């Protein structure tokens, strides 16, 4: 049985985990981290939780465009 054609379930490489760690340590947002990793925000949050990485929090009520 083959897996889905999209990135769900794609294994994380040590390089991707390192980039996640360094970008999170730099205070980057989940959306910014997701772009170079080509993963969803939910995937970033889940992997960070598994690895014990703290992510930057966006204050509630603020949108990505700052309005």
PDB file of N, CA and C in Angstrom:
ATOM      1  N   UNK A   1       0.851  -1.183   0.000  1.00  0.00           N
ATOM      2  CA  UNK A   1       0.000   0.000   0.000  1.00  0.00           C
ATOM      3  C   UNK A   1       0.889   1.236   0.000  1.00  0.00           C
ATOM      4  N   UNK A   2       0.655   2.140  -0.907  1.00  0.00           N
ATOM      5  CA  UNK A   2       1.471   3.342  -0.988  1.00  0.00           C
ATOM      6  C   UNK A   2       0.881   4.453  -0.136  1.00  0.00           C
ATOM      7  N   UNK A   3       1.746   5.387   0.289  1.00  0.00           N
ATOM      8  CA  UNK A   3       1.323   6.509   1.118  1.00  0.00           C
ATOM      9  C   UNK A   3       0.699   7.598   0.282  1.00  0.00           C
ATOM     10  N   UNK A   4       0.211   8.640   0.930  1.00  0.00           N
ATOM     11  CA  UNK A   4      -0.416   9.737   0.197  1.00  0.00           C
ATOM     12  C   UNK A   4       0.625  10.496  -0.643  1.00  0.00           C
ATOM     13  N   UNK A   5       0.160  11.167  -1.670  1.00  0.00           N
ATOM     14  CA  UNK A   5       1.041  11.895  -2.567  1.00  0.00           C
ATOM     15  C   UNK A   5       1.519  13.220  -1.979  1.00  0.00           C
ATOM     16  N   UNK A   6       0.906  13.691  -0.908  1.00  0.00           N
ATOM     17  CA  UNK A   6       1.321  14.943  -0.289  1.00  0.00           C
ATOM     18  C   UNK A   6       2.291  14.672   0.851  1.00  0.00           C
ATOM     19  N   UNK A   7       2.735  15.728   1.551  1.00  0.00           N
ATOM     20  CA  UNK A   7       3.823  15.592   2.514  1.00  0.00           C
ATOM     21  C   UNK A   7       3.423  15.003   3.864  1.00  0.00           C
ATOM     22  N   UNK A   8       2.161  14.732   4.092  1.00  0.00           N
ATOM     23  CA  UNK A   8       1.757  14.152   5.375  1.00  0.00           C
ATOM     24  C   UNK A   8       2.474  12.828   5.576  1.00  0.00           C
ATOM     25  N   UNK A   9       3.092  12.690   6.732  1.00  0.00           N
ATOM     26  CA  UNK A   9       3.789  11.455   7.031  1.00  0.00           C
ATOM     27  C   UNK A   9       5.231  11.425   6.560  1.00  0.00           C
ATOM     28  N   UNK A  10       5.664  12.466   5.877  1.00  0.00           N
ATOM     29  CA  UNK A  10       7.060  12.517   5.421  1.00  0.00           C
ATOM     30  C   UNK A  10       7.961  12.591   6.647  1.00  0.00           C
ATOM     31  N   UNK A  11       8.976  11.759   6.660  1.00  0.00           N
ATOM     32  CA  UNK A  11       9.897  11.701   7.785  1.00  0.00           C
ATOM     33  C   UNK A  11      10.709  12.980   7.903  1.00  0.00           C
ATOM     34  N   UNK A  12      11.006  13.376   9.128  1.00  0.00           N
ATOM     35  CA  UNK A  12      11.854  14.531   9.395  1.00  0.00           C
ATOM     36  C   UNK A  12      13.314  14.088   9.339  1.00  0.00           C
ATOM     37  N   UNK A  13      14.130  14.864   8.670  1.00  0.00           N
ATOM     38  CA  UNK A  13      15.560  14.577   8.623  1.00  0.00           C
ATOM     39  C   UNK A  13      16.249  15.308   9.782  1.00  0.00           C
ATOM     40  N   UNK A  14      17.439  14.879  10.166  1.00  0.00           N
ATOM     41  CA  UNK A  14      18.184  15.611  11.200  1.00  0.00           C
ATOM     42  C   UNK A  14      18.450  17.071  10.802  1.00  0.00           C
ATOM     43  N   UNK A  15      18.649  17.315   9.513  1.00  0.00           N
ATOM     44  CA  UNK A  15      18.881  18.680   9.038  1.00  0.00           C
ATOM     45  C   UNK A  15      17.638  19.532   9.243  1.00  0.00           C
ATOM     46  N   UNK A  16      16.451  18.978   8.939  1.00  0.00           N
ATOM     47  CA  UNK A  16      15.201  19.718   9.139  1.00  0.00           C
ATOM     48  C   UNK A  16      14.977  20.013  10.623  1.00  0.00           C
ATOM     49  N   UNK A  17      15.247  19.035  11.461  1.00  0.00           N
ATOM     50  CA  UNK A  17      15.080  19.242  12.896  1.00  0.00           C
ATOM     51  C   UNK A  17      16.045  20.313  13.393  1.00  0.00           C
ATOM     52  N   UNK A  18      17.258  20.331  12.873  1.00  0.00           N
ATOM     53  CA  UNK A  18      18.231  21.352  13.245  1.00  0.00           C
ATOM     54  C   UNK A  18      17.779  22.742  12.835  1.00  0.00           C
ATOM     55  N   UNK A  19      17.218  22.844  11.630  1.00  0.00           N
ATOM     56  CA  UNK A  19      16.709  24.128  11.160  1.00  0.00           C
ATOM     57  C   UNK A  19      15.528  24.576  12.020  1.00  0.00           C
ATOM     58  N   UNK A  20      14.651  23.644  12.360  1.00  0.00           N
ATOM     59  CA  UNK A  20      13.524  23.954  13.250  1.00  0.00           C
ATOM     60  C   UNK A  20      14.051  24.480  14.581  1.00  0.00           C
ATOM     61  N   UNK A  21      15.027  23.800  15.154  1.00  0.00           N
ATOM     62  CA  UNK A  21      15.601  24.228  16.441  1.00  0.00           C
ATOM     63  C   UNK A  21      16.211  25.630  16.348  1.00  0.00           C
ATOM     64  N   UNK A  22      17.009  25.861  15.312  1.00  0.00           N
ATOM     65  CA  UNK A  22      17.694  27.148  15.216  1.00  0.00           C
ATOM     66  C   UNK A  22      16.728  28.294  14.935  1.00  0.00           C
ATOM     67  N   UNK A  23      15.751  28.066  14.085  1.00  0.00           N
ATOM     68  CA  UNK A  23      14.785  29.124  13.784  1.00  0.00           C
ATOM     69  C   UNK A  23      13.896  29.411  14.990  1.00  0.00           C
ATOM     70  N   UNK A  24      13.517  28.371  15.722  1.00  0.00           N
ATOM     71  CA  UNK A  24      12.705  28.572  16.927  1.00  0.00           C
ATOM     72  C   UNK A  24      13.509  29.330  17.979  1.00  0.00           C
ATOM     73  N   UNK A  25      14.789  28.990  18.116  1.00  0.00           N
ATOM     74  CA  UNK A  25      15.652  29.674  19.082  1.00  0.00           C
ATOM     75  C   UNK A  25      15.827  31.148  18.716  1.00  0.00           C
ATOM     76  N   UNK A  26      15.754  31.454  17.427  1.00  0.00           N
ATOM     77  CA  UNK A  26      15.878  32.833  16.956  1.00  0.00           C
ATOM     78  C   UNK A  26      14.566  33.601  17.110  1.00  0.00           C
ATOM     79  N   UNK A  27      13.505  32.914  17.565  1.00  0.00           N
ATOM     80  CA  UNK A  27      12.228  33.575  17.792  1.00  0.00           C
ATOM     81  C   UNK A  27      11.346  33.713  16.569  1.00  0.00           C
ATOM     82  N   UNK A  28      11.646  32.954  15.528  1.00  0.00           N
ATOM     83  CA  UNK A  28      10.831  33.022  14.311  1.00  0.00           C
ATOM     84  C   UNK A  28       9.442  32.438  14.554  1.00  0.00           C
ATOM     85  N   UNK A  29       8.451  32.939  13.827  1.00  0.00           N
ATOM     86  CA  UNK A  29       7.088  32.440  13.954  1.00  0.00           C
ATOM     87  C   UNK A  29       6.947  31.086  13.259  1.00  0.00           C
ATOM     88  N   UNK A  30       5.891  30.389  13.594  1.00  0.00           N
ATOM     89  CA  UNK A  30       5.617  29.088  12.971  1.00  0.00           C
ATOM     90  C   UNK A  30       5.494  29.243  11.459  1.00  0.00           C
ATOM     91  N   UNK A  31       4.822  30.300  11.007  1.00  0.00           N
ATOM     92  CA  UNK A  31       4.635  30.518   9.568  1.00  0.00           C
ATOM     93  C   UNK A  31       5.971  30.713   8.869  1.00  0.00           C
ATOM     94  N   UNK A  32       6.876  31.444   9.489  1.00  0.00           N
ATOM     95  CA  UNK A  32       8.191  31.679   8.891  1.00  0.00           C
ATOM     96  C   UNK A  32       8.996  30.385   8.864  1.00  0.00           C
ATOM     97  N   UNK A  33       8.919  29.599   9.925  1.00  0.00           N
ATOM     98  CA  UNK A  33       9.642  28.327   9.989  1.00  0.00           C
ATOM     99  C   UNK A  33       9.116  27.346   8.947  1.00  0.00           C
ATOM    100  N   UNK A  34       7.808  27.337   8.746  1.00  0.00           N
ATOM    101  CA  UNK A  34       7.185  26.375   7.837  1.00  0.00           C
ATOM    102  C   UNK A  34       7.626  26.553   6.387  1.00  0.00           C
ATOM    103  N   UNK A  35       7.923  27.783   5.989  1.00  0.00           N
ATOM    104  CA  UNK A  35       8.234  28.057   4.582  1.00  0.00           C
ATOM    105  C   UNK A  35       9.470  27.313   4.078  1.00  0.00           C
ATOM    106  N   UNK A  36      10.645  27.473   4.680  1.00  0.00           N
ATOM    107  CA  UNK A  36      11.812  26.764   4.128  1.00  0.00           C
ATOM    108  C   UNK A  36      11.742  25.247   4.315  1.00  0.00           C
ATOM    109  N   UNK A  37      10.971  24.808   5.322  1.00  0.00           N
ATOM    110  CA  UNK A  37      10.855  23.372   5.556  1.00  0.00           C
ATOM    111  C   UNK A  37       9.791  22.728   4.664  1.00  0.00           C
ATOM    112  N   UNK A  38       9.004  23.560   3.987  1.00  0.00           N
ATOM    113  CA  UNK A  38       7.918  23.075   3.119  1.00  0.00           C
ATOM    114  C   UNK A  38       6.985  22.127   3.876  1.00  0.00           C
ATOM    115  N   UNK A  39       6.598  22.590   5.071  1.00  0.00           N
ATOM    116  CA  UNK A  39       5.682  21.823   5.924  1.00  0.00           C
ATOM    117  C   UNK A  39       4.599  22.746   6.439  1.00  0.00           C
ATOM    118  N   UNK A  40       3.496  22.154   6.872  1.00  0.00           N
ATOM    119  CA  UNK A  40       2.398  22.953   7.400  1.00  0.00           C
ATOM    120  C   UNK A  40       2.723  23.472   8.796  1.00  0.00           C
ATOM    121  N   UNK A  41       2.003  24.515   9.194  1.00  0.00           N
ATOM    122  CA  UNK A  41       2.171  25.066  10.537  1.00  0.00           C
ATOM    123  C   UNK A  41       1.854  23.998  11.578  1.00  0.00           C
ATOM    124  N   UNK A  42       0.837  23.186  11.324  1.00  0.00           N
ATOM    125  CA  UNK A  42       0.476  22.122  12.261  1.00  0.00           C
ATOM    126  C   UNK A  42       1.611  21.109  12.399  1.00  0.00           C
ATOM    127  N   UNK A  43       2.273  20.801  11.291  1.00  0.00           N
ATOM    128  CA  UNK A  43       3.397  19.867  11.322  1.00  0.00           C
ATOM    129  C   UNK A  43       4.555  20.446  12.130  1.00  0.00           C
ATOM    130  N   UNK A  44       4.803  21.738  11.967  1.00  0.00           N
ATOM    131  CA  UNK A  44       5.873  22.404  12.716  1.00  0.00           C
ATOM    132  C   UNK A  44       5.565  22.349  14.207  1.00  0.00           C
ATOM    133  N   UNK A  45       4.331  22.693  14.570  1.00  0.00           N
ATOM    134  CA  UNK A  45       3.936  22.675  15.988  1.00  0.00           C
ATOM    135  C   UNK A  45       4.054  21.275  16.580  1.00  0.00           C
ATOM    136  N   UNK A  46       3.608  20.276  15.838  1.00  0.00           N
ATOM    137  CA  UNK A  46       3.648  18.901  16.337  1.00  0.00           C
ATOM    138  C   UNK A  46       5.082  18.428  16.557  1.00  0.00           C
ATOM    139  N   UNK A  47       5.962  18.697  15.580  1.00  0.00           N
ATOM    140  CA  UNK A  47       7.350  18.239  15.715  1.00  0.00           C
ATOM    141  C   UNK A  47       8.053  18.991  16.837  1.00  0.00           C
ATOM    142  N   UNK A  48       7.771  20.277  16.966  1.00  0.00           N
ATOM    143  CA  UNK A  48       8.365  21.055  18.057  1.00  0.00           C
ATOM    144  C   UNK A  48       7.929  20.490  19.405  1.00  0.00           C
ATOM    145  N   UNK A  49       6.671  20.124  19.519  1.00  0.00           N
ATOM    146  CA  UNK A  49       6.158  19.532  20.768  1.00  0.00           C
ATOM    147  C   UNK A  49       6.868  18.217  21.057  1.00  0.00           C
ATOM    148  N   UNK A  50       7.033  17.374  20.046  1.00  0.00           N
ATOM    149  CA  UNK A  50       7.702  16.080  20.208  1.00  0.00           C
ATOM    150  C   UNK A  50       9.152  16.279  20.664  1.00  0.00           C
ATOM    151  N   UNK A  51       9.825  17.282  20.098  1.00  0.00           N
ATOM    152  CA  UNK A  51      11.234  17.524  20.402  1.00  0.00           C
ATOM    153  C   UNK A  51      11.442  18.412  21.630  1.00  0.00           C
ATOM    154  N   UNK A  52      10.352  18.922  22.191  1.00  0.00           N
ATOM    155  CA  UNK A  52      10.467  19.786  23.362  1.00  0.00           C
ATOM    156  C   UNK A  52      10.989  21.174  23.026  1.00  0.00           C
ATOM    157  N   UNK A  53      10.682  21.646  21.819  1.00  0.00           N
ATOM    158  CA  UNK A  53      11.133  22.963  21.366  1.00  0.00           C
ATOM    159  C   UNK A  53      10.032  23.978  21.638  1.00  0.00           C
ATOM    160  N   UNK A  54      10.409  25.088  22.253  1.00  0.00           N
ATOM    161  CA  UNK A  54       9.448  26.168  22.493  1.00  0.00           C
ATOM    162  C   UNK A  54       9.399  27.056  21.268  1.00  0.00           C
ATOM    163  N   UNK A  55       8.176  27.355  20.821  1.00  0.00           N
ATOM    164  CA  UNK A  55       7.971  28.213  19.659  1.00  0.00           C
ATOM    165  C   UNK A  55       7.519  29.597  20.103  1.00  0.00           C
ATOM    166  N   UNK A  56       7.821  30.594  19.282  1.00  0.00           N
ATOM    167  CA  UNK A  56       7.378  31.962  19.559  1.00  0.00           C
ATOM    168  C   UNK A  56       5.857  32.000  19.553  1.00  0.00           C
ATOM    169  N   UNK A  57       5.310  32.770  20.468  1.00  0.00           N
ATOM    170  CA  UNK A  57       3.860  32.901  20.543  1.00  0.00           C
ATOM    171  C   UNK A  57       3.448  34.236  19.964  1.00  0.00           C
ATOM    172  N   UNK A  58       2.396  34.216  19.164  1.00  0.00           N
ATOM    173  CA  UNK A  58       1.827  35.439  18.612  1.00  0.00           C
ATOM    174  C   UNK A  58       0.718  35.872  19.562  1.00  0.00           C
ATOM    175  N   UNK A  59       0.745  37.108  20.048  1.00  0.00           N
ATOM    176  CA  UNK A  59      -0.331  37.547  20.940  1.00  0.00           C
ATOM    177  C   UNK A  59      -1.695  37.372  20.292  1.00  0.00           C
ATOM    178  N   UNK A  60      -2.664  36.922  21.076  1.00  0.00           N
ATOM    179  CA  UNK A  60      -3.999  36.686  20.524  1.00  0.00           C
ATOM    180  C   UNK A  60      -4.588  37.989  20.001  1.00  0.00           C
ATOM    181  N   UNK A  61      -5.350  37.874  18.940  1.00  0.00           N
ATOM    182  CA  UNK A  61      -5.991  39.032  18.342  1.00  0.00           C
ATOM    183  C   UNK A  61      -5.170  39.669  17.237  1.00  0.00           C
ATOM    184  N   UNK A  62      -3.916  39.299  17.096  1.00  0.00           N
ATOM    185  CA  UNK A  62      -3.101  39.842  16.020  1.00  0.00           C
ATOM    186  C   UNK A  62      -3.120  38.899  14.835  1.00  0.00           C
ATOM    187  N   UNK A  63      -3.175  39.473  13.652  1.00  0.00           N
ATOM    188  CA  UNK A  63      -3.132  38.669  12.448  1.00  0.00           C
ATOM    189  C   UNK A  63      -1.753  38.761  11.826  1.00  0.00           C
ATOM    190  N   UNK A  64      -1.477  37.875  10.904  1.00  0.00           N
ATOM    191  CA  UNK A  64      -0.145  37.807  10.300  1.00  0.00           C
ATOM    192  C   UNK A  64       0.265  39.124   9.641  1.00  0.00           C
ATOM    193  N   UNK A  65      -0.679  39.874   9.109  1.00  0.00           N
ATOM    194  CA  UNK A  65      -0.318  41.119   8.446  1.00  0.00           C
ATOM    195  C   UNK A  65      -0.236  42.294   9.404  1.00  0.00           C
ATOM    196  N   UNK A  66      -0.354  42.039  10.706  1.00  0.00           N
ATOM    197  CA  UNK A  66      -0.174  43.083  11.689  1.00  0.00           C
ATOM    198  C   UNK A  66      -1.374  43.942  11.959  1.00  0.00           C
ATOM    199  N   UNK A  67      -2.525  43.601  11.401  1.00  0.00           N
ATOM    200  CA  UNK A  67      -3.748  44.396  11.614  1.00  0.00           C
ATOM    201  C   UNK A  67      -4.653  43.727  12.611  1.00  0.00           C
TER     202      UNK A  67
END
